[in-house]
Structures are given as C-alpha cells and as structure tokens.
N, C-alpha and C. Protein backbone atom coordinates (compact mmCIF):
# COMPACT_ATOMS: atom_id res chain seq x y z
N MET A 1 -26.65 19.09 -14.81
CA MET A 1 -25.64 18.55 -13.93
C MET A 1 -24.53 17.92 -14.76
N GLN A 2 -23.30 18.24 -14.45
CA GLN A 2 -22.15 17.72 -15.19
C GLN A 2 -21.67 16.41 -14.57
N ARG A 3 -21.42 15.43 -15.40
CA ARG A 3 -20.93 14.14 -14.94
C ARG A 3 -19.40 14.16 -14.91
N LEU A 4 -18.82 13.77 -13.79
CA LEU A 4 -17.36 13.73 -13.67
C LEU A 4 -16.85 12.40 -14.19
N VAL A 5 -15.76 12.44 -14.93
CA VAL A 5 -15.15 11.23 -15.47
C VAL A 5 -13.76 11.11 -14.86
N TYR A 6 -13.54 10.03 -14.14
CA TYR A 6 -12.25 9.79 -13.53
C TYR A 6 -11.47 8.77 -14.36
N PRO A 7 -10.13 8.85 -14.33
CA PRO A 7 -9.32 7.90 -15.09
C PRO A 7 -9.47 6.47 -14.56
N MET A 8 -9.37 5.52 -15.45
CA MET A 8 -9.51 4.11 -15.09
C MET A 8 -8.15 3.52 -14.73
N CYS A 9 -8.09 2.79 -13.64
CA CYS A 9 -6.84 2.16 -13.21
C CYS A 9 -6.28 1.24 -14.30
N GLU A 10 -7.15 0.56 -15.02
CA GLU A 10 -6.72 -0.41 -16.02
C GLU A 10 -5.86 0.20 -17.12
N LEU A 11 -5.92 1.52 -17.30
CA LEU A 11 -5.15 2.19 -18.33
C LEU A 11 -3.91 2.90 -17.78
N CYS A 12 -3.60 2.70 -16.51
CA CYS A 12 -2.49 3.38 -15.84
C CYS A 12 -1.22 2.53 -15.91
N ILE A 13 -0.07 3.19 -15.94
CA ILE A 13 1.20 2.47 -15.98
C ILE A 13 1.49 1.73 -14.69
N HIS A 14 0.85 2.10 -13.59
CA HIS A 14 1.09 1.46 -12.30
C HIS A 14 0.20 0.25 -12.07
N TYR A 15 -0.76 0.01 -12.92
CA TYR A 15 -1.74 -1.07 -12.74
C TYR A 15 -1.11 -2.42 -13.03
N ARG A 16 -1.29 -3.37 -12.11
CA ARG A 16 -0.81 -4.74 -12.29
C ARG A 16 -2.00 -5.68 -12.20
N LYS A 17 -2.43 -6.16 -13.34
CA LYS A 17 -3.65 -6.97 -13.43
C LYS A 17 -3.46 -8.33 -12.76
N SER A 18 -4.49 -8.74 -12.03
CA SER A 18 -4.51 -10.06 -11.42
C SER A 18 -5.06 -11.06 -12.43
N ALA A 19 -4.54 -12.26 -12.39
CA ALA A 19 -5.00 -13.30 -13.31
C ALA A 19 -6.41 -13.77 -12.97
N SER A 20 -6.80 -13.62 -11.71
CA SER A 20 -8.09 -14.17 -11.31
C SER A 20 -9.24 -13.16 -11.27
N SER A 21 -8.97 -11.91 -10.88
CA SER A 21 -10.06 -10.96 -10.69
C SER A 21 -9.54 -9.53 -10.69
N ASN A 22 -10.34 -8.60 -11.19
CA ASN A 22 -9.97 -7.19 -11.13
C ASN A 22 -9.90 -6.69 -9.69
N ALA A 23 -10.68 -7.28 -8.82
CA ALA A 23 -10.68 -6.87 -7.41
C ALA A 23 -9.35 -7.18 -6.74
N LEU A 24 -8.58 -8.11 -7.29
CA LEU A 24 -7.29 -8.48 -6.72
C LEU A 24 -6.11 -7.84 -7.43
N SER A 25 -6.38 -6.95 -8.37
CA SER A 25 -5.31 -6.28 -9.10
C SER A 25 -4.57 -5.32 -8.18
N ARG A 26 -3.33 -5.05 -8.50
CA ARG A 26 -2.47 -4.26 -7.63
C ARG A 26 -2.05 -2.95 -8.29
N CYS A 27 -1.52 -2.04 -7.46
CA CYS A 27 -1.01 -0.76 -7.93
C CYS A 27 0.47 -0.67 -7.51
N SER A 28 1.36 -0.60 -8.50
CA SER A 28 2.79 -0.58 -8.20
C SER A 28 3.27 0.78 -7.70
N LYS A 29 2.43 1.78 -7.73
CA LYS A 29 2.79 3.11 -7.21
C LYS A 29 2.96 3.05 -5.69
N PHE A 30 2.18 2.22 -5.03
CA PHE A 30 2.18 2.14 -3.58
C PHE A 30 2.70 0.77 -3.15
N THR A 31 3.95 0.74 -2.70
CA THR A 31 4.60 -0.51 -2.34
C THR A 31 5.01 -0.50 -0.88
N TYR A 32 5.20 -1.67 -0.35
CA TYR A 32 5.76 -1.82 0.99
C TYR A 32 6.56 -3.11 1.02
N LEU A 33 7.45 -3.23 1.97
CA LEU A 33 8.30 -4.40 2.09
C LEU A 33 7.74 -5.33 3.14
N ASP A 34 7.49 -6.57 2.73
CA ASP A 34 7.05 -7.61 3.66
C ASP A 34 8.31 -8.17 4.32
N LEU A 35 8.57 -7.78 5.55
CA LEU A 35 9.81 -8.14 6.22
C LEU A 35 9.89 -9.63 6.56
N ARG A 36 8.75 -10.29 6.68
CA ARG A 36 8.78 -11.73 6.99
C ARG A 36 9.44 -12.51 5.87
N TRP A 37 9.11 -12.14 4.63
CA TRP A 37 9.60 -12.91 3.47
C TRP A 37 10.55 -12.10 2.60
N ASP A 38 10.83 -10.86 3.00
CA ASP A 38 11.70 -9.96 2.25
C ASP A 38 11.22 -9.79 0.81
N ASN A 39 9.91 -9.60 0.66
CA ASN A 39 9.28 -9.38 -0.65
C ASN A 39 8.71 -7.98 -0.73
N LYS A 40 8.77 -7.41 -1.93
CA LYS A 40 8.09 -6.15 -2.17
C LYS A 40 6.63 -6.47 -2.52
N GLU A 41 5.72 -5.83 -1.84
CA GLU A 41 4.29 -6.04 -2.08
C GLU A 41 3.66 -4.75 -2.57
N TYR A 42 2.62 -4.88 -3.38
CA TYR A 42 1.88 -3.73 -3.89
C TYR A 42 0.51 -3.66 -3.21
N ASP A 43 0.02 -2.44 -3.00
CA ASP A 43 -1.35 -2.27 -2.50
C ASP A 43 -2.34 -2.70 -3.57
N TYR A 44 -3.52 -3.08 -3.13
CA TYR A 44 -4.59 -3.37 -4.08
C TYR A 44 -5.00 -2.07 -4.76
N ALA A 45 -5.27 -2.14 -6.05
CA ALA A 45 -5.62 -0.94 -6.83
C ALA A 45 -6.90 -0.30 -6.30
N ASP A 46 -7.91 -1.10 -5.98
CA ASP A 46 -9.16 -0.51 -5.50
C ASP A 46 -8.97 0.16 -4.14
N TYR A 47 -8.07 -0.36 -3.30
CA TYR A 47 -7.77 0.29 -2.02
C TYR A 47 -7.09 1.64 -2.25
N ALA A 48 -6.16 1.69 -3.19
CA ALA A 48 -5.47 2.95 -3.50
C ALA A 48 -6.46 4.00 -3.99
N ARG A 49 -7.49 3.58 -4.75
CA ARG A 49 -8.48 4.53 -5.26
C ARG A 49 -9.46 4.96 -4.18
N ARG A 50 -9.71 4.12 -3.20
CA ARG A 50 -10.63 4.49 -2.11
C ARG A 50 -9.95 5.34 -1.04
N THR A 51 -8.63 5.37 -1.03
CA THR A 51 -7.88 6.06 0.01
C THR A 51 -7.40 7.41 -0.50
N GLU A 52 -7.90 8.48 0.09
CA GLU A 52 -7.59 9.83 -0.38
C GLU A 52 -6.12 10.19 -0.20
N SER A 53 -5.43 9.58 0.76
CA SER A 53 -4.01 9.89 0.94
C SER A 53 -3.15 9.19 -0.11
N LYS A 54 -3.75 8.30 -0.87
CA LYS A 54 -3.05 7.63 -1.97
C LYS A 54 -3.57 8.24 -3.27
N CYS A 55 -4.09 7.46 -4.16
CA CYS A 55 -4.56 7.98 -5.45
C CYS A 55 -5.92 8.68 -5.33
N GLY A 56 -6.77 8.15 -4.48
CA GLY A 56 -8.09 8.74 -4.30
C GLY A 56 -8.98 8.52 -5.51
N LYS A 57 -10.25 8.87 -5.36
CA LYS A 57 -11.20 8.62 -6.46
C LYS A 57 -10.89 9.44 -7.70
N GLU A 58 -10.14 10.54 -7.53
CA GLU A 58 -9.79 11.38 -8.69
C GLU A 58 -8.65 10.79 -9.52
N GLY A 59 -7.95 9.80 -8.97
CA GLY A 59 -6.80 9.22 -9.68
C GLY A 59 -5.63 10.18 -9.71
N ARG A 60 -5.28 10.72 -8.57
CA ARG A 60 -4.26 11.76 -8.44
C ARG A 60 -2.91 11.38 -9.07
N PHE A 61 -2.49 10.12 -9.00
CA PHE A 61 -1.20 9.70 -9.53
C PHE A 61 -1.32 8.93 -10.85
N TYR A 62 -2.47 9.02 -11.48
CA TYR A 62 -2.71 8.32 -12.74
C TYR A 62 -1.75 8.81 -13.82
N GLN A 63 -1.15 7.85 -14.53
CA GLN A 63 -0.34 8.14 -15.71
C GLN A 63 -0.74 7.14 -16.79
N ARG A 64 -1.26 7.66 -17.87
CA ARG A 64 -1.76 6.79 -18.93
C ARG A 64 -0.64 5.96 -19.54
N ASP A 65 -0.90 4.67 -19.72
CA ASP A 65 0.05 3.74 -20.32
C ASP A 65 -0.24 3.65 -21.81
N ILE A 66 0.56 4.35 -22.62
CA ILE A 66 0.29 4.37 -24.06
C ILE A 66 0.58 3.01 -24.70
N ARG A 67 1.37 2.17 -24.05
CA ARG A 67 1.61 0.82 -24.59
C ARG A 67 0.33 0.01 -24.64
N ARG A 68 -0.56 0.22 -23.69
CA ARG A 68 -1.84 -0.51 -23.69
C ARG A 68 -2.72 -0.04 -24.85
N ASP A 69 -2.60 1.23 -25.21
CA ASP A 69 -3.34 1.75 -26.37
C ASP A 69 -2.87 1.08 -27.66
N LEU A 70 -1.57 0.83 -27.75
CA LEU A 70 -1.01 0.25 -28.98
C LEU A 70 -1.31 -1.23 -29.13
N THR A 71 -1.60 -1.91 -28.03
CA THR A 71 -1.85 -3.35 -28.10
C THR A 71 -3.32 -3.71 -28.04
N LYS A 72 -4.21 -2.74 -28.12
CA LYS A 72 -5.66 -3.01 -28.10
C LYS A 72 -6.08 -3.82 -29.32
N ASP A 73 -7.06 -4.68 -29.10
CA ASP A 73 -7.65 -5.45 -30.21
C ASP A 73 -8.91 -4.75 -30.67
N ASP A 74 -8.81 -3.90 -31.67
CA ASP A 74 -9.99 -3.18 -32.17
C ASP A 74 -10.43 -3.74 -33.49
C-alpha cells in the first residue's frame, strides 16, 4: 500500500502563523471582508484544508515558500 504525502500548510506562502496556536493559524489565499469593521479577514488554515471547495486535503492551492527554507535553523 502506498502512503500519500500531502503538502504542509506551514511551508506555504499563504500560511499566516498564529502566535498562540497552530489551530488558529490563517490562510491568506481565502479572504473575506468583515463589513462591520471594514477589515479583511482570512479563513483558518485547517478549515481551508478540510473544505474541498477551497484547498482540500490535497493542498490544491499550495505554493511552497522558499523563504522559509532559507531561514530554517538546521
């Protein structure tokens, strides 16, 4: 049986890390306007990955952020 490997949100250019938790991190690919406060809001990254009409579990809109590769502490 072949194991499928899906791209990780943390390495995507659209990923916006939350200071408190990965569960609260956002995806800048999927935005909406909060009309009450006139703010641009981002969907939660895990919601975008669970929703097939958005990124889905395959990471359909994933784009690797090479800047994160260059700043790794190895």
